């Protein structure tokens, strides 16, 4: 979900994922308290560090999230496709190994 850190963007995200049967772990931004029922909301940095670590890894591997200039398109479609490709290759090492072997064979 692309957008600012505001109630409207948060509400769009909640509409997309739904509230039913979900537990949300967030930082202590006041908007979450306004939009998510207290019984479904857990706040605290001690629970969000794995998310921040994943965000850091994504910024490390995908330049489009690192710099503001001289980087490829930041359109919503390209961001979505880049993240899908990153997670496909990062979360499935066998998929990466197969593609890597094919790619390296081109230059052998």
Foldseek 3Di string as FASTA:
>chain_A
DDDDPDLVVVVVVCVVVDQPPAADEEAVDVSCVVPHPPVRYHHDPVPCVVVVVVVVVLVVVAVVNPDDPPHDDPDPVVVVVSVVVCCVCVVDVVVVVVVVVVVVVVVD
